[in-house]
Amino acid sequence: MAYWYNIATKEVETDENRSRNDDVMGPYDTEDDARNALASAARNTEQWDAEDRAWEGEKDLED
């Protein structure tokens, strides 16, 4: 079963009761993963931003 996090209602949903709009994040393997969707997204964004800054810094060194 897949789990989804609804950012509008702040509730975890399953395939059986999932909203069919843009307010859901997922799918996630576990209910806990879905419940922590926003925190995971924030961590991923921070990591990707850091990687982008590092790449841009390396690119500047080549110029």
N, C-alpha and C. Protein backbone atom coordinates (compact mmCIF):
# COMPACT_ATOMS: atom_id res chain seq x y z
N MET A 1 0.84 -1.18 0.00
CA MET A 1 0.00 0.00 0.00
C MET A 1 0.88 1.24 0.00
N ALA A 2 0.47 2.23 -0.75
CA ALA A 2 1.19 3.50 -0.81
C ALA A 2 0.51 4.51 0.11
N TYR A 3 1.33 5.41 0.64
CA TYR A 3 0.84 6.46 1.53
C TYR A 3 1.17 7.81 0.90
N TRP A 4 0.35 8.78 1.20
CA TRP A 4 0.48 10.13 0.65
C TRP A 4 0.30 11.13 1.77
N TYR A 5 0.93 12.30 1.64
CA TYR A 5 0.74 13.37 2.62
C TYR A 5 0.00 14.51 1.93
N ASN A 6 -1.12 14.89 2.51
CA ASN A 6 -1.93 15.98 1.97
C ASN A 6 -1.52 17.27 2.67
N ILE A 7 -0.93 18.19 1.91
CA ILE A 7 -0.42 19.42 2.53
C ILE A 7 -1.53 20.38 2.91
N ALA A 8 -2.71 20.24 2.33
CA ALA A 8 -3.84 21.11 2.67
C ALA A 8 -4.49 20.69 3.99
N THR A 9 -4.69 19.37 4.15
CA THR A 9 -5.35 18.88 5.36
C THR A 9 -4.37 18.47 6.44
N LYS A 10 -3.08 18.33 6.05
CA LYS A 10 -2.01 17.88 6.95
C LYS A 10 -2.29 16.47 7.48
N GLU A 11 -2.87 15.64 6.63
CA GLU A 11 -3.18 14.26 7.00
C GLU A 11 -2.55 13.28 6.02
N VAL A 12 -2.28 12.08 6.53
CA VAL A 12 -1.78 11.00 5.69
C VAL A 12 -2.97 10.32 5.03
N GLU A 13 -2.81 10.03 3.75
CA GLU A 13 -3.88 9.36 3.01
C GLU A 13 -3.31 8.09 2.39
N THR A 14 -4.19 7.18 2.02
CA THR A 14 -3.80 5.96 1.33
C THR A 14 -4.32 6.02 -0.10
N ASP A 15 -3.98 5.02 -0.88
CA ASP A 15 -4.49 4.96 -2.25
C ASP A 15 -6.02 4.96 -2.25
N GLU A 16 -6.60 4.40 -1.23
CA GLU A 16 -8.06 4.27 -1.16
C GLU A 16 -8.77 5.59 -0.91
N ASN A 17 -8.13 6.51 -0.20
CA ASN A 17 -8.80 7.77 0.13
C ASN A 17 -8.01 9.01 -0.30
N ARG A 18 -7.06 8.81 -1.21
CA ARG A 18 -6.18 9.90 -1.63
C ARG A 18 -6.93 10.95 -2.43
N SER A 19 -6.64 12.20 -2.11
CA SER A 19 -7.17 13.32 -2.88
C SER A 19 -6.56 13.29 -4.26
N ARG A 20 -7.29 13.69 -5.24
CA ARG A 20 -6.80 13.68 -6.62
C ARG A 20 -6.47 15.09 -7.09
N ASN A 21 -5.73 15.81 -6.27
CA ASN A 21 -5.35 17.18 -6.64
C ASN A 21 -3.87 17.38 -6.39
N ASP A 22 -3.41 18.59 -6.54
CA ASP A 22 -1.99 18.90 -6.39
C ASP A 22 -1.55 19.04 -4.95
N ASP A 23 -2.45 18.79 -4.00
CA ASP A 23 -2.11 18.99 -2.58
C ASP A 23 -1.48 17.77 -1.93
N VAL A 24 -1.17 16.73 -2.71
CA VAL A 24 -0.61 15.51 -2.10
C VAL A 24 0.84 15.32 -2.52
N MET A 25 1.62 14.81 -1.59
CA MET A 25 3.01 14.46 -1.83
C MET A 25 3.13 12.95 -1.69
N GLY A 26 3.91 12.33 -2.52
CA GLY A 26 4.10 10.90 -2.41
C GLY A 26 4.18 10.27 -3.78
N PRO A 27 4.19 9.00 -3.81
CA PRO A 27 3.85 8.04 -2.76
C PRO A 27 5.03 7.74 -1.84
N TYR A 28 4.71 7.28 -0.64
CA TYR A 28 5.68 6.86 0.36
C TYR A 28 5.39 5.42 0.73
N ASP A 29 6.44 4.71 1.13
CA ASP A 29 6.29 3.30 1.49
C ASP A 29 5.60 3.08 2.82
N THR A 30 5.79 4.02 3.75
CA THR A 30 5.21 3.84 5.08
C THR A 30 4.40 5.08 5.48
N GLU A 31 3.51 4.88 6.42
CA GLU A 31 2.71 5.98 6.93
C GLU A 31 3.61 7.02 7.60
N ASP A 32 4.63 6.55 8.30
CA ASP A 32 5.56 7.46 8.97
C ASP A 32 6.34 8.31 7.97
N ASP A 33 6.77 7.69 6.86
CA ASP A 33 7.46 8.46 5.82
C ASP A 33 6.55 9.55 5.27
N ALA A 34 5.29 9.22 5.05
CA ALA A 34 4.34 10.21 4.54
C ALA A 34 4.13 11.33 5.55
N ARG A 35 4.02 10.97 6.81
CA ARG A 35 3.79 11.96 7.86
C ARG A 35 4.95 12.95 7.94
N ASN A 36 6.15 12.50 7.59
CA ASN A 36 7.35 13.35 7.65
C ASN A 36 7.74 13.91 6.28
N ALA A 37 6.80 13.96 5.37
CA ALA A 37 7.08 14.38 3.99
C ALA A 37 7.67 15.79 3.92
N LEU A 38 7.12 16.72 4.67
CA LEU A 38 7.62 18.10 4.60
C LEU A 38 9.04 18.22 5.12
N ALA A 39 9.34 17.52 6.20
CA ALA A 39 10.70 17.55 6.75
C ALA A 39 11.68 16.92 5.78
N SER A 40 11.29 15.82 5.15
CA SER A 40 12.15 15.17 4.17
C SER A 40 12.39 16.07 2.97
N ALA A 41 11.35 16.73 2.52
CA ALA A 41 11.49 17.65 1.38
C ALA A 41 12.43 18.79 1.73
N ALA A 42 12.32 19.32 2.94
CA ALA A 42 13.21 20.41 3.37
C ALA A 42 14.66 19.95 3.41
N ARG A 43 14.90 18.75 3.94
CA ARG A 43 16.27 18.22 3.99
C ARG A 43 16.82 18.03 2.58
N ASN A 44 16.01 17.47 1.70
CA ASN A 44 16.46 17.26 0.32
C ASN A 44 16.78 18.58 -0.36
N THR A 45 15.95 19.57 -0.15
CA THR A 45 16.18 20.88 -0.76
C THR A 45 17.48 21.49 -0.25
N GLU A 46 17.73 21.40 1.06
CA GLU A 46 18.97 21.92 1.62
C GLU A 46 20.18 21.21 1.03
N GLN A 47 20.09 19.89 0.89
CA GLN A 47 21.20 19.12 0.33
C GLN A 47 21.44 19.51 -1.12
N TRP A 48 20.38 19.61 -1.90
CA TRP A 48 20.54 19.97 -3.32
C TRP A 48 21.08 21.39 -3.47
N ASP A 49 20.63 22.30 -2.62
CA ASP A 49 21.15 23.67 -2.66
C ASP A 49 22.65 23.70 -2.36
N ALA A 50 23.07 22.90 -1.37
CA ALA A 50 24.48 22.83 -1.03
C ALA A 50 25.28 22.24 -2.19
N GLU A 51 24.73 21.21 -2.82
CA GLU A 51 25.42 20.62 -3.98
C GLU A 51 25.51 21.63 -5.13
N ASP A 52 24.46 22.40 -5.34
CA ASP A 52 24.49 23.42 -6.38
C ASP A 52 25.54 24.48 -6.09
N ARG A 53 25.62 24.92 -4.82
CA ARG A 53 26.62 25.92 -4.45
C ARG A 53 28.03 25.37 -4.67
N ALA A 54 28.23 24.11 -4.29
CA ALA A 54 29.55 23.49 -4.47
C ALA A 54 29.88 23.39 -5.95
N TRP A 55 28.93 22.99 -6.76
CA TRP A 55 29.16 22.87 -8.19
C TRP A 55 29.45 24.23 -8.81
N GLU A 56 28.69 25.23 -8.41
CA GLU A 56 28.92 26.59 -8.93
C GLU A 56 30.31 27.08 -8.52
N GLY A 57 30.75 26.76 -7.31
CA GLY A 57 32.07 27.14 -6.85
C GLY A 57 33.16 26.47 -7.67
N GLU A 58 32.98 25.19 -7.98
CA GLU A 58 33.94 24.46 -8.81
C GLU A 58 33.96 25.03 -10.22
N LYS A 59 32.79 25.39 -10.72
CA LYS A 59 32.69 25.95 -12.06
C LYS A 59 33.43 27.29 -12.12
N ASP A 60 33.28 28.12 -11.06
CA ASP A 60 33.96 29.41 -11.02
C ASP A 60 35.47 29.24 -11.01
N LEU A 61 35.98 28.18 -10.38
CA LEU A 61 37.41 27.95 -10.32
C LEU A 61 37.99 27.61 -11.69
N GLU A 62 37.16 27.03 -12.56
CA GLU A 62 37.62 26.65 -13.90
C GLU A 62 37.73 27.87 -14.81
N ASP A 63 36.99 28.91 -14.54
CA ASP A 63 36.97 30.09 -15.41
C ASP A 63 38.19 30.96 -15.26
